[in-house]
């Protein structure tokens, strides 16, 4: 009976050791899952920051080129206005003289198509 009791005790101790090992393995697994989750979160954050940086860079390039385009259009508009203004000032006096001479210098003459009835 003692040997049976001793055998049962050994089985109970072995079962307890197995149970302890199983719980320890579960704890290690839980720690490893938690660590893997933290690593994945860190990697995701790093990837997200990298993609956002690339996006901002591309956005700056596109918006920058639009800004350059806007500045170029503004410059062309200013140049056109300057040219038109200088042309106006250059030709204004001559046109005023021509207009006034056409209006004020009246030369009465018969139209070439007029037929005098005889």
PDB file of N, CA and C in Angstrom:
ATOM      1  N   UNK A   1       0.785  -1.170   0.000  1.00  0.00           N
ATOM      2  CA  UNK A   1       0.000   0.000   0.000  1.00  0.00           C
ATOM      3  C   UNK A   1       0.850   1.267   0.000  1.00  0.00           C
ATOM      4  N   UNK A   2       1.908   1.180   0.684  1.00  0.00           N
ATOM      5  CA  UNK A   2       2.821   2.305   0.736  1.00  0.00           C
ATOM      6  C   UNK A   2       3.389   2.575  -0.645  1.00  0.00           C
ATOM      7  N   UNK A   3       3.680   1.519  -1.348  1.00  0.00           N
ATOM      8  CA  UNK A   3       4.235   1.720  -2.681  1.00  0.00           C
ATOM      9  C   UNK A   3       3.178   2.318  -3.618  1.00  0.00           C
ATOM     10  N   UNK A   4       1.912   1.910  -3.415  1.00  0.00           N
ATOM     11  CA  UNK A   4       0.840   2.500  -4.218  1.00  0.00           C
ATOM     12  C   UNK A   4       0.674   3.969  -3.866  1.00  0.00           C
ATOM     13  N   UNK A   5       0.722   4.261  -2.588  1.00  0.00           N
ATOM     14  CA  UNK A   5       0.586   5.633  -2.125  1.00  0.00           C
ATOM     15  C   UNK A   5       1.750   6.471  -2.656  1.00  0.00           C
ATOM     16  N   UNK A   6       2.931   5.885  -2.617  1.00  0.00           N
ATOM     17  CA  UNK A   6       4.114   6.585  -3.125  1.00  0.00           C
ATOM     18  C   UNK A   6       3.992   6.800  -4.640  1.00  0.00           C
ATOM     19  N   UNK A   7       3.478   5.840  -5.371  1.00  0.00           N
ATOM     20  CA  UNK A   7       3.278   5.947  -6.809  1.00  0.00           C
ATOM     21  C   UNK A   7       2.243   7.017  -7.139  1.00  0.00           C
ATOM     22  N   UNK A   8       1.178   7.064  -6.328  1.00  0.00           N
ATOM     23  CA  UNK A   8       0.140   8.083  -6.530  1.00  0.00           C
ATOM     24  C   UNK A   8       0.720   9.473  -6.278  1.00  0.00           C
ATOM     25  N   UNK A   9       1.536   9.576  -5.210  1.00  0.00           N
ATOM     26  CA  UNK A   9       2.183  10.853  -4.892  1.00  0.00           C
ATOM     27  C   UNK A   9       3.080  11.306  -6.053  1.00  0.00           C
ATOM     28  N   UNK A  10       3.801  10.363  -6.614  1.00  0.00           N
ATOM     29  CA  UNK A  10       4.685  10.693  -7.737  1.00  0.00           C
ATOM     30  C   UNK A  10       3.863  11.153  -8.951  1.00  0.00           C
ATOM     31  N   UNK A  11       2.750  10.462  -9.186  1.00  0.00           N
ATOM     32  CA  UNK A  11       1.879  10.861 -10.291  1.00  0.00           C
ATOM     33  C   UNK A  11       1.281  12.245 -10.060  1.00  0.00           C
ATOM     34  N   UNK A  12       0.860  12.528  -8.835  1.00  0.00           N
ATOM     35  CA  UNK A  12       0.303  13.837  -8.512  1.00  0.00           C
ATOM     36  C   UNK A  12       1.359  14.937  -8.681  1.00  0.00           C
ATOM     37  N   UNK A  13       2.607  14.622  -8.233  1.00  0.00           N
ATOM     38  CA  UNK A  13       3.688  15.602  -8.386  1.00  0.00           C
ATOM     39  C   UNK A  13       4.021  15.827  -9.866  1.00  0.00           C
ATOM     40  N   UNK A  14       4.025  14.762 -10.637  1.00  0.00           N
ATOM     41  CA  UNK A  14       4.297  14.882 -12.070  1.00  0.00           C
ATOM     42  C   UNK A  14       3.188  15.685 -12.751  1.00  0.00           C
ATOM     43  N   UNK A  15       1.951  15.422 -12.329  1.00  0.00           N
ATOM     44  CA  UNK A  15       0.825  16.159 -12.888  1.00  0.00           C
ATOM     45  C   UNK A  15       0.924  17.648 -12.537  1.00  0.00           C
ATOM     46  N   UNK A  16       1.337  17.917 -11.285  1.00  0.00           N
ATOM     47  CA  UNK A  16       1.487  19.309 -10.854  1.00  0.00           C
ATOM     48  C   UNK A  16       2.593  20.003 -11.637  1.00  0.00           C
ATOM     49  N   UNK A  17       3.723  19.302 -11.844  1.00  0.00           N
ATOM     50  CA  UNK A  17       4.826  19.880 -12.625  1.00  0.00           C
ATOM     51  C   UNK A  17       4.378  20.147 -14.071  1.00  0.00           C
ATOM     52  N   UNK A  18       3.618  19.227 -14.635  1.00  0.00           N
ATOM     53  CA  UNK A  18       3.134  19.407 -15.998  1.00  0.00           C
ATOM     54  C   UNK A  18       2.180  20.605 -16.072  1.00  0.00           C
ATOM     55  N   UNK A  19       1.330  20.710 -15.050  1.00  0.00           N
ATOM     56  CA  UNK A  19       0.395  21.815 -14.997  1.00  0.00           C
ATOM     57  C   UNK A  19       1.153  23.146 -14.872  1.00  0.00           C
ATOM     58  N   UNK A  20       2.185  23.167 -14.028  1.00  0.00           N
ATOM     59  CA  UNK A  20       3.003  24.381 -13.865  1.00  0.00           C
ATOM     60  C   UNK A  20       3.709  24.751 -15.181  1.00  0.00           C
ATOM     61  N   UNK A  21       4.246  23.722 -15.855  1.00  0.00           N
ATOM     62  CA  UNK A  21       4.916  23.972 -17.128  1.00  0.00           C
ATOM     63  C   UNK A  21       3.933  24.506 -18.169  1.00  0.00           C
ATOM     64  N   UNK A  22       2.724  23.952 -18.156  1.00  0.00           N
ATOM     65  CA  UNK A  22       1.696  24.395 -19.086  1.00  0.00           C
ATOM     66  C   UNK A  22       1.319  25.862 -18.821  1.00  0.00           C
ATOM     67  N   UNK A  23       1.146  26.213 -17.550  1.00  0.00           N
ATOM     68  CA  UNK A  23       0.811  27.597 -17.205  1.00  0.00           C
ATOM     69  C   UNK A  23       1.965  28.537 -17.568  1.00  0.00           C
ATOM     70  N   UNK A  24       3.187  28.077 -17.336  1.00  0.00           N
ATOM     71  CA  UNK A  24       4.352  28.888 -17.689  1.00  0.00           C
ATOM     72  C   UNK A  24       4.418  29.092 -19.211  1.00  0.00           C
ATOM     73  N   UNK A  25       4.113  28.056 -19.965  1.00  0.00           N
ATOM     74  CA  UNK A  25       4.113  28.157 -21.428  1.00  0.00           C
ATOM     75  C   UNK A  25       3.015  29.119 -21.894  1.00  0.00           C
ATOM     76  N   UNK A  26       1.851  29.067 -21.237  1.00  0.00           N
ATOM     77  CA  UNK A  26       0.766  29.986 -21.579  1.00  0.00           C
ATOM     78  C   UNK A  26       1.173  31.433 -21.294  1.00  0.00           C
ATOM     79  N   UNK A  27       1.860  31.626 -20.163  1.00  0.00           N
ATOM     80  CA  UNK A  27       2.324  32.975 -19.823  1.00  0.00           C
ATOM     81  C   UNK A  27       3.334  33.471 -20.859  1.00  0.00           C
ATOM     82  N   UNK A  28       4.278  32.599 -21.238  1.00  0.00           N
ATOM     83  CA  UNK A  28       5.275  32.975 -22.244  1.00  0.00           C
ATOM     84  C   UNK A  28       4.595  33.299 -23.575  1.00  0.00           C
ATOM     85  N   UNK A  29       3.585  32.475 -23.912  1.00  0.00           N
ATOM     86  CA  UNK A  29       2.849  32.711 -25.152  1.00  0.00           C
ATOM     87  C   UNK A  29       2.135  34.060 -25.093  1.00  0.00           C
ATOM     88  N   UNK A  30       1.506  34.355 -23.978  1.00  0.00           N
ATOM     89  CA  UNK A  30       0.822  35.645 -23.808  1.00  0.00           C
ATOM     90  C   UNK A  30       1.800  36.807 -23.906  1.00  0.00           C
ATOM     91  N   UNK A  31       2.972  36.662 -23.262  1.00  0.00           N
ATOM     92  CA  UNK A  31       3.996  37.707 -23.340  1.00  0.00           C
ATOM     93  C   UNK A  31       4.477  37.889 -24.774  1.00  0.00           C
ATOM     94  N   UNK A  32       4.699  36.766 -25.445  1.00  0.00           N
ATOM     95  CA  UNK A  32       5.188  36.824 -26.825  1.00  0.00           C
ATOM     96  C   UNK A  32       4.140  37.466 -27.751  1.00  0.00           C
ATOM     97  N   UNK A  33       2.853  37.134 -27.544  1.00  0.00           N
ATOM     98  CA  UNK A  33       1.790  37.744 -28.337  1.00  0.00           C
ATOM     99  C   UNK A  33       1.721  39.257 -28.080  1.00  0.00           C
ATOM    100  N   UNK A  34       1.865  39.635 -26.812  1.00  0.00           N
ATOM    101  CA  UNK A  34       1.844  41.047 -26.460  1.00  0.00           C
ATOM    102  C   UNK A  34       3.035  41.766 -27.093  1.00  0.00           C
ATOM    103  N   UNK A  35       4.202  41.134 -27.036  1.00  0.00           N
ATOM    104  CA  UNK A  35       5.406  41.714 -27.631  1.00  0.00           C
ATOM    105  C   UNK A  35       5.252  41.826 -29.152  1.00  0.00           C
ATOM    106  N   UNK A  36       4.702  40.775 -29.773  1.00  0.00           N
ATOM    107  CA  UNK A  36       4.505  40.803 -31.226  1.00  0.00           C
ATOM    108  C   UNK A  36       3.522  41.905 -31.602  1.00  0.00           C
ATOM    109  N   UNK A  37       2.485  42.082 -30.798  1.00  0.00           N
ATOM    110  CA  UNK A  37       1.511  43.137 -31.063  1.00  0.00           C
ATOM    111  C   UNK A  37       2.168  44.510 -30.951  1.00  0.00           C
ATOM    112  N   UNK A  38       2.999  44.712 -29.949  1.00  0.00           N
ATOM    113  CA  UNK A  38       3.704  45.985 -29.779  1.00  0.00           C
ATOM    114  C   UNK A  38       4.659  46.237 -30.946  1.00  0.00           C
ATOM    115  N   UNK A  39       5.369  45.187 -31.368  1.00  0.00           N
ATOM    116  CA  UNK A  39       6.285  45.323 -32.511  1.00  0.00           C
ATOM    117  C   UNK A  39       5.508  45.668 -33.785  1.00  0.00           C
ATOM    118  N   UNK A  40       4.375  44.992 -33.986  1.00  0.00           N
ATOM    119  CA  UNK A  40       3.564  45.262 -35.170  1.00  0.00           C
ATOM    120  C   UNK A  40       3.022  46.692 -35.140  1.00  0.00           C
ATOM    121  N   UNK A  41       2.581  47.145 -33.968  1.00  0.00           N
ATOM    122  CA  UNK A  41       2.083  48.510 -33.835  1.00  0.00           C
ATOM    123  C   UNK A  41       3.192  49.518 -34.144  1.00  0.00           C
ATOM    124  N   UNK A  42       4.389  49.258 -33.623  1.00  0.00           N
ATOM    125  CA  UNK A  42       5.523  50.149 -33.891  1.00  0.00           C
ATOM    126  C   UNK A  42       5.853  50.158 -35.385  1.00  0.00           C
ATOM    127  N   UNK A  43       5.836  48.994 -36.005  1.00  0.00           N
ATOM    128  CA  UNK A  43       6.127  48.903 -37.435  1.00  0.00           C
ATOM    129  C   UNK A  43       5.060  49.622 -38.262  1.00  0.00           C
ATOM    130  N   UNK A  44       3.815  49.465 -37.864  1.00  0.00           N
ATOM    131  CA  UNK A  44       2.713  50.148 -38.555  1.00  0.00           C
ATOM    132  C   UNK A  44       2.862  51.654 -38.417  1.00  0.00           C
ATOM    133  N   UNK A  45       3.180  52.115 -37.202  1.00  0.00           N
ATOM    134  CA  UNK A  45       3.374  53.550 -36.995  1.00  0.00           C
ATOM    135  C   UNK A  45       4.526  54.076 -37.846  1.00  0.00           C
ATOM    136  N   UNK A  46       5.614  53.328 -37.900  1.00  0.00           N
ATOM    137  CA  UNK A  46       6.767  53.726 -38.707  1.00  0.00           C
ATOM    138  C   UNK A  46       6.376  53.802 -40.190  1.00  0.00           C
ATOM    139  N   UNK A  47       5.667  52.794 -40.666  1.00  0.00           N
ATOM    140  CA  UNK A  47       5.225  52.763 -42.062  1.00  0.00           C
ATOM    141  C   UNK A  47       4.290  53.934 -42.354  1.00  0.00           C
ATOM    142  N   UNK A  48       3.348  54.181 -41.436  1.00  0.00           N
ATOM    143  CA  UNK A  48       2.401  55.279 -41.603  1.00  0.00           C
ATOM    144  C   UNK A  48       3.140  56.618 -41.682  1.00  0.00           C
ATOM    145  N   UNK A  49       4.100  56.838 -40.789  1.00  0.00           N
ATOM    146  CA  UNK A  49       4.874  58.081 -40.817  1.00  0.00           C
ATOM    147  C   UNK A  49       5.648  58.224 -42.129  1.00  0.00           C
ATOM    148  N   UNK A  50       6.218  57.122 -42.600  1.00  0.00           N
ATOM    149  CA  UNK A  50       6.968  57.142 -43.854  1.00  0.00           C
ATOM    150  C   UNK A  50       6.043  57.508 -45.013  1.00  0.00           C
ATOM    151  N   UNK A  51       4.880  56.895 -45.081  1.00  0.00           N
ATOM    152  CA  UNK A  51       3.934  57.167 -46.168  1.00  0.00           C
ATOM    153  C   UNK A  51       3.406  58.607 -46.099  1.00  0.00           C
ATOM    154  N   UNK A  52       3.148  59.095 -44.874  1.00  0.00           N
ATOM    155  CA  UNK A  52       2.696  60.469 -44.722  1.00  0.00           C
ATOM    156  C   UNK A  52       3.777  61.444 -45.183  1.00  0.00           C
ATOM    157  N   UNK A  53       5.023  61.127 -44.869  1.00  0.00           N
ATOM    158  CA  UNK A  53       6.141  61.967 -45.298  1.00  0.00           C
ATOM    159  C   UNK A  53       6.232  61.991 -46.828  1.00  0.00           C
ATOM    160  N   UNK A  54       6.099  60.829 -47.456  1.00  0.00           N
ATOM    161  CA  UNK A  54       6.112  60.758 -48.924  1.00  0.00           C
ATOM    162  C   UNK A  54       4.943  61.545 -49.508  1.00  0.00           C
ATOM    163  N   UNK A  55       3.772  61.410 -48.875  1.00  0.00           N
ATOM    164  CA  UNK A  55       2.588  62.127 -49.349  1.00  0.00           C
ATOM    165  C   UNK A  55       2.797  63.637 -49.262  1.00  0.00           C
ATOM    166  N   UNK A  56       3.319  64.107 -48.116  1.00  0.00           N
ATOM    167  CA  UNK A  56       3.580  65.538 -47.960  1.00  0.00           C
ATOM    168  C   UNK A  56       4.589  66.019 -48.989  1.00  0.00           C
ATOM    169  N   UNK A  57       5.589  65.194 -49.253  1.00  0.00           N
ATOM    170  CA  UNK A  57       6.602  65.563 -50.244  1.00  0.00           C
ATOM    171  C   UNK A  57       5.974  65.701 -51.627  1.00  0.00           C
ATOM    172  N   UNK A  58       5.169  64.717 -52.020  1.00  0.00           N
ATOM    173  CA  UNK A  58       4.503  64.784 -53.326  1.00  0.00           C
ATOM    174  C   UNK A  58       3.525  65.949 -53.376  1.00  0.00           C
ATOM    175  N   UNK A  59       2.820  66.175 -52.286  1.00  0.00           N
ATOM    176  CA  UNK A  59       1.859  67.276 -52.232  1.00  0.00           C
ATOM    177  C   UNK A  59       2.591  68.613 -52.366  1.00  0.00           C
ATOM    178  N   UNK A  60       3.741  68.730 -51.718  1.00  0.00           N
ATOM    179  CA  UNK A  60       4.531  69.953 -51.822  1.00  0.00           C
ATOM    180  C   UNK A  60       5.012  70.155 -53.246  1.00  0.00           C
ATOM    181  N   UNK A  61       5.443  69.075 -53.901  1.00  0.00           N
ATOM    182  CA  UNK A  61       5.890  69.183 -55.292  1.00  0.00           C
ATOM    183  C   UNK A  61       4.757  69.638 -56.197  1.00  0.00           C
ATOM    184  N   UNK A  62       3.578  69.058 -56.014  1.00  0.00           N
ATOM    185  CA  UNK A  62       2.431  69.409 -56.861  1.00  0.00           C
ATOM    186  C   UNK A  62       1.976  70.830 -56.554  1.00  0.00           C
ATOM    187  N   UNK A  63       1.802  71.142 -55.288  1.00  0.00           N
ATOM    188  CA  UNK A  63       1.350  72.481 -54.915  1.00  0.00           C
ATOM    189  C   UNK A  63       2.414  73.516 -55.257  1.00  0.00           C
ATOM    190  N   UNK A  64       3.669  73.134 -55.091  1.00  0.00           N
ATOM    191  CA  UNK A  64       4.754  74.053 -55.427  1.00  0.00           C
ATOM    192  C   UNK A  64       4.732  74.381 -56.900  1.00  0.00           C
ATOM    193  N   UNK A  65       4.518  73.381 -57.747  1.00  0.00           N
ATOM    194  CA  UNK A  65       4.474  73.631 -59.181  1.00  0.00           C
ATOM    195  C   UNK A  65       3.242  74.455 -59.533  1.00  0.00           C
ATOM    196  N   UNK A  66       2.145  74.261 -58.832  1.00  0.00           N
ATOM    197  CA  UNK A  66       0.970  75.096 -59.057  1.00  0.00           C
ATOM    198  C   UNK A  66       1.252  76.521 -58.620  1.00  0.00           C
ATOM    199  N   UNK A  67       1.975  76.678 -57.528  1.00  0.00           N
ATOM    200  CA  UNK A  67       2.359  78.000 -57.076  1.00  0.00           C
ATOM    201  C   UNK A  67       3.256  78.677 -58.088  1.00  0.00           C
ATOM    202  N   UNK A  68       4.202  77.931 -58.670  1.00  0.00           N
ATOM    203  CA  UNK A  68       5.074  78.479 -59.703  1.00  0.00           C
ATOM    204  C   UNK A  68       4.262  78.851 -60.937  1.00  0.00           C
ATOM    205  N   UNK A  69       3.298  78.010 -61.280  1.00  0.00           N
ATOM    206  CA  UNK A  69       2.437  78.277 -62.427  1.00  0.00           C
ATOM    207  C   UNK A  69       1.626  79.547 -62.183  1.00  0.00           C
ATOM    208  N   UNK A  70       1.114  79.698 -60.998  1.00  0.00           N
ATOM    209  CA  UNK A  70       0.350  80.883 -60.651  1.00  0.00           C
ATOM    210  C   UNK A  70       1.223  82.128 -60.740  1.00  0.00           C
ATOM    211  N   UNK A  71       2.441  82.042 -60.230  1.00  0.00           N
ATOM    212  CA  UNK A  71       3.365  83.179 -60.297  1.00  0.00           C
ATOM    213  C   UNK A  71       3.706  83.504 -61.750  1.00  0.00           C
ATOM    214  N   UNK A  72       3.883  82.476 -62.572  1.00  0.00           N
ATOM    215  CA  UNK A  72       4.208  82.682 -63.984  1.00  0.00           C
ATOM    216  C   UNK A  72       3.047  83.363 -64.701  1.00  0.00           C
ATOM    217  N   UNK A  73       1.823  82.928 -64.445  1.00  0.00           N
ATOM    218  CA  UNK A  73       0.640  83.535 -65.062  1.00  0.00           C
ATOM    219  C   UNK A  73       0.515  84.992 -64.609  1.00  0.00           C
ATOM    220  N   UNK A  74       0.749  85.229 -63.333  1.00  0.00           N
ATOM    221  CA  UNK A  74       0.682  86.589 -62.805  1.00  0.00           C
ATOM    222  C   UNK A  74       1.718  87.486 -63.491  1.00  0.00           C
ATOM    223  N   UNK A  75       2.916  86.960 -63.689  1.00  0.00           N
ATOM    224  CA  UNK A  75       3.977  87.708 -64.363  1.00  0.00           C
ATOM    225  C   UNK A  75       3.602  88.017 -65.816  1.00  0.00           C
ATOM    226  N   UNK A  76       3.053  87.025 -66.517  1.00  0.00           N
ATOM    227  CA  UNK A  76       2.637  87.236 -67.905  1.00  0.00           C
ATOM    228  C   UNK A  76       1.520  88.279 -67.993  1.00  0.00           C
ATOM    229  N   UNK A  77       0.583  88.224 -67.068  1.00  0.00           N
ATOM    230  CA  UNK A  77      -0.514  89.193 -67.045  1.00  0.00           C
ATOM    231  C   UNK A  77       0.027  90.600 -66.821  1.00  0.00           C
ATOM    232  N   UNK A  78       0.932  90.745 -65.884  1.00  0.00           N
ATOM    233  CA  UNK A  78       1.531  92.050 -65.606  1.00  0.00           C
ATOM    234  C   UNK A  78       2.268  92.578 -66.832  1.00  0.00           C
ATOM    235  N   UNK A  79       3.013  91.706 -67.504  1.00  0.00           N
ATOM    236  CA  UNK A  79       3.753  92.100 -68.714  1.00  0.00           C
ATOM    237  C   UNK A  79       2.791  92.533 -69.818  1.00  0.00           C
ATOM    238  N   UNK A  80       1.697  91.806 -70.005  1.00  0.00           N
ATOM    239  CA  UNK A  80       0.704  92.160 -71.028  1.00  0.00           C
ATOM    240  C   UNK A  80       0.076  93.512 -70.719  1.00  0.00           C
ATOM    241  N   UNK A  81      -0.274  93.736 -69.458  1.00  0.00           N
ATOM    242  CA  UNK A  81      -0.860  95.021 -69.062  1.00  0.00           C
ATOM    243  C   UNK A  81       0.141  96.148 -69.302  1.00  0.00           C
ATOM    244  N   UNK A  82       1.382  95.936 -68.966  1.00  0.00           N
ATOM    245  CA  UNK A  82       2.427  96.936 -69.186  1.00  0.00           C
ATOM    246  C   UNK A  82       2.564  97.255 -70.679  1.00  0.00           C
ATOM    247  N   UNK A  83       2.573  96.212 -71.527  1.00  0.00           N
ATOM    248  CA  UNK A  83       2.672  96.422 -72.974  1.00  0.00           C
ATOM    249  C   UNK A  83       1.481  97.198 -73.519  1.00  0.00           C
ATOM    250  N   UNK A  84       0.276  96.834 -73.093  1.00  0.00           N
ATOM    251  CA  UNK A  84      -0.923  97.526 -73.548  1.00  0.00           C
ATOM    252  C   UNK A  84      -0.925  98.985 -73.098  1.00  0.00           C
ATOM    253  N   UNK A  85      -0.505  99.235 -71.878  1.00  0.00           N
ATOM    254  CA  UNK A  85      -0.461 100.607 -71.364  1.00  0.00           C
ATOM    255  C   UNK A  85       0.534 101.446 -72.149  1.00  0.00           C
ATOM    256  N   UNK A  86       1.717 100.886 -72.403  1.00  0.00           N
ATOM    257  CA  UNK A  86       2.718 101.650 -73.163  1.00  0.00           C
ATOM    258  C   UNK A  86       2.237 101.889 -74.595  1.00  0.00           C
ATOM    259  N   UNK A  87       1.586 100.916 -75.205  1.00  0.00           N
ATOM    260  CA  UNK A  87       1.047 101.083 -76.552  1.00  0.00           C
ATOM    261  C   UNK A  87      -0.028 102.153 -76.565  1.00  0.00           C
ATOM    262  N   UNK A  88      -0.858 102.170 -75.555  1.00  0.00           N
ATOM    263  CA  UNK A  88      -1.908 103.186 -75.440  1.00  0.00           C
ATOM    264  C   UNK A  88      -1.288 104.578 -75.382  1.00  0.00           C
ATOM    265  N   UNK A  89      -0.312 104.762 -74.491  1.00  0.00           N
ATOM    266  CA  UNK A  89       0.315 106.076 -74.346  1.00  0.00           C
ATOM    267  C   UNK A  89       1.064 106.485 -75.622  1.00  0.00           C
ATOM    268  N   UNK A  90       1.673 105.548 -76.282  1.00  0.00           N
ATOM    269  CA  UNK A  90       2.446 105.828 -77.496  1.00  0.00           C
ATOM    270  C   UNK A  90       1.523 106.255 -78.649  1.00  0.00           C
ATOM    271  N   UNK A  91       0.360 105.621 -78.779  1.00  0.00           N
ATOM    272  CA  UNK A  91      -0.519 105.861 -79.919  1.00  0.00           C
ATOM    273  C   UNK A  91      -1.679 106.809 -79.642  1.00  0.00           C
ATOM    274  N   UNK A  92      -1.869 107.205 -78.400  1.00  0.00           N
ATOM    275  CA  UNK A  92      -3.035 108.008 -78.035  1.00  0.00           C
ATOM    276  C   UNK A  92      -3.030 109.361 -78.761  1.00  0.00           C
ATOM    277  N   UNK A  93      -1.924 110.059 -78.749  1.00  0.00           N
ATOM    278  CA  UNK A  93      -1.881 111.401 -79.339  1.00  0.00           C
ATOM    279  C   UNK A  93      -2.142 111.350 -80.846  1.00  0.00           C
ATOM    280  N   UNK A  94      -1.507 110.419 -81.536  1.00  0.00           N
ATOM    281  CA  UNK A  94      -1.720 110.290 -82.983  1.00  0.00           C
ATOM    282  C   UNK A  94      -3.167 109.977 -83.316  1.00  0.00           C
ATOM    283  N   UNK A  95      -3.777 109.086 -82.561  1.00  0.00           N
ATOM    284  CA  UNK A  95      -5.175 108.720 -82.810  1.00  0.00           C
ATOM    285  C   UNK A  95      -6.101 109.892 -82.522  1.00  0.00           C
ATOM    286  N   UNK A  96      -5.798 110.670 -81.468  1.00  0.00           N
ATOM    287  CA  UNK A  96      -6.640 111.827 -81.144  1.00  0.00           C
ATOM    288  C   UNK A  96      -6.563 112.858 -82.272  1.00  0.00           C
ATOM    289  N   UNK A  97      -5.354 113.084 -82.811  1.00  0.00           N
ATOM    290  CA  UNK A  97      -5.193 114.035 -83.926  1.00  0.00           C
ATOM    291  C   UNK A  97      -5.957 113.554 -85.146  1.00  0.00           C
ATOM    292  N   UNK A  98      -5.855 112.270 -85.450  1.00  0.00           N
ATOM    293  CA  UNK A  98      -6.539 111.714 -86.620  1.00  0.00           C
ATOM    294  C   UNK A  98      -8.055 111.805 -86.454  1.00  0.00           C
ATOM    295  N   UNK A  99      -8.539 111.494 -85.265  1.00  0.00           N
ATOM    296  CA  UNK A  99      -9.966 111.553 -84.989  1.00  0.00           C
ATOM    297  C   UNK A  99     -10.477 112.990 -85.083  1.00  0.00           C
ATOM    298  N   UNK A 100      -9.760 113.914 -84.480  1.00  0.00           N
ATOM    299  CA  UNK A 100     -10.170 115.319 -84.519  1.00  0.00           C
ATOM    300  C   UNK A 100     -10.111 115.872 -85.941  1.00  0.00           C
ATOM    301  N   UNK A 101      -9.089 115.484 -86.699  1.00  0.00           N
ATOM    302  CA  UNK A 101      -9.002 115.969 -88.084  1.00  0.00           C
ATOM    303  C   UNK A 101     -10.147 115.415 -88.917  1.00  0.00           C
ATOM    304  N   UNK A 102     -10.549 114.196 -88.683  1.00  0.00           N
ATOM    305  CA  UNK A 102     -11.660 113.603 -89.424  1.00  0.00           C
ATOM    306  C   UNK A 102     -12.954 114.315 -89.074  1.00  0.00           C
ATOM    307  N   UNK A 103     -13.114 114.658 -87.821  1.00  0.00           N
ATOM    308  CA  UNK A 103     -14.356 115.302 -87.378  1.00  0.00           C
ATOM    309  C   UNK A 103     -14.378 116.789 -87.746  1.00  0.00           C
ATOM    310  N   UNK A 104     -13.280 117.474 -87.541  1.00  0.00           N
ATOM    311  CA  UNK A 104     -13.260 118.935 -87.694  1.00  0.00           C
ATOM    312  C   UNK A 104     -12.978 119.412 -89.117  1.00  0.00           C
ATOM    313  N   UNK A 105     -12.197 118.714 -89.857  1.00  0.00           N
ATOM    314  CA  UNK A 105     -11.848 119.143 -91.215  1.00  0.00           C
ATOM    315  C   UNK A 105     -12.862 118.569 -92.203  1.00  0.00           C
ATOM    316  N   UNK A 106     -13.912 119.329 -92.433  1.00  0.00           N
ATOM    317  CA  UNK A 106     -14.962 118.876 -93.326  1.00  0.00           C
ATOM    318  C   UNK A 106     -14.700 119.487 -94.691  1.00  0.00           C
ATOM    319  N   UNK A 107     -14.616 118.672 -95.686  1.00  0.00           N
ATOM    320  CA  UNK A 107     -14.435 119.118 -97.069  1.00  0.00           C
ATOM    321  C   UNK A 107     -15.699 118.750 -97.837  1.00  0.00           C
ATOM    322  N   UNK A 108     -16.512 119.710 -98.134  1.00  0.00           N
ATOM    323  CA  UNK A 108     -17.732 119.381 -98.864  1.00  0.00           C
ATOM    324  C   UNK A 108     -17.414 119.013-100.304  1.00  0.00           C
ATOM    325  N   UNK A 109     -17.881 117.887-100.720  1.00  0.00           N
ATOM    326  CA  UNK A 109     -17.708 117.428-102.101  1.00  0.00           C
ATOM    327  C   UNK A 109     -18.857 116.510-102.449  1.00  0.00           C
ATOM    328  N   UNK A 110     -19.100 116.357-103.668  1.00  0.00           N
ATOM    329  CA  UNK A 110     -20.200 115.528-104.137  1.00  0.00           C
ATOM    330  C   UNK A 110     -19.712 114.090-104.194  1.00  0.00           C
ATOM    331  N   UNK A 111     -20.611 113.258-103.798  1.00  0.00           N
ATOM    332  CA  UNK A 111     -20.286 111.836-103.793  1.00  0.00           C
ATOM    333  C   UNK A 111     -20.138 111.371-105.232  1.00  0.00           C
ATOM    334  N   UNK A 112     -19.177 110.508-105.506  1.00  0.00           N
ATOM    335  CA  UNK A 112     -18.956 110.099-106.881  1.00  0.00           C
ATOM    336  C   UNK A 112     -20.140 109.363-107.527  1.00  0.00           C
ATOM    337  N   UNK A 113     -21.005 108.822-106.772  1.00  0.00           N
ATOM    338  CA  UNK A 113     -22.143 108.083-107.325  1.00  0.00           C
ATOM    339  C   UNK A 113     -23.360 108.983-107.585  1.00  0.00           C
ATOM    340  N   UNK A 114     -23.254 110.227-107.169  1.00  0.00           N
ATOM    341  CA  UNK A 114     -24.388 111.128-107.353  1.00  0.00           C
ATOM    342  C   UNK A 114     -24.511 111.521-108.811  1.00  0.00           C
ATOM    343  N   UNK A 115     -25.719 111.391-109.366  1.00  0.00           N
ATOM    344  CA  UNK A 115     -25.970 111.811-110.747  1.00  0.00           C
ATOM    345  C   UNK A 115     -26.865 113.036-110.721  1.00  0.00           C
ATOM    346  N   UNK A 116     -26.377 113.981-111.387  1.00  0.00           N
ATOM    347  CA  UNK A 116     -27.149 115.212-111.439  1.00  0.00           C
ATOM    348  C   UNK A 116     -28.235 115.084-112.526  1.00  0.00           C
ATOM    349  N   UNK A 117     -29.451 115.307-112.154  1.00  0.00           N
ATOM    350  CA  UNK A 117     -30.537 115.162-113.124  1.00  0.00           C
ATOM    351  C   UNK A 117     -30.594 116.408-114.006  1.00  0.00           C
ATOM    352  N   UNK A 118     -30.510 116.212-115.295  1.00  0.00           N
ATOM    353  CA  UNK A 118     -30.538 117.314-116.253  1.00  0.00           C
ATOM    354  C   UNK A 118     -31.803 117.319-117.015  1.00  0.00           C
TER     355      UNK A 118
END
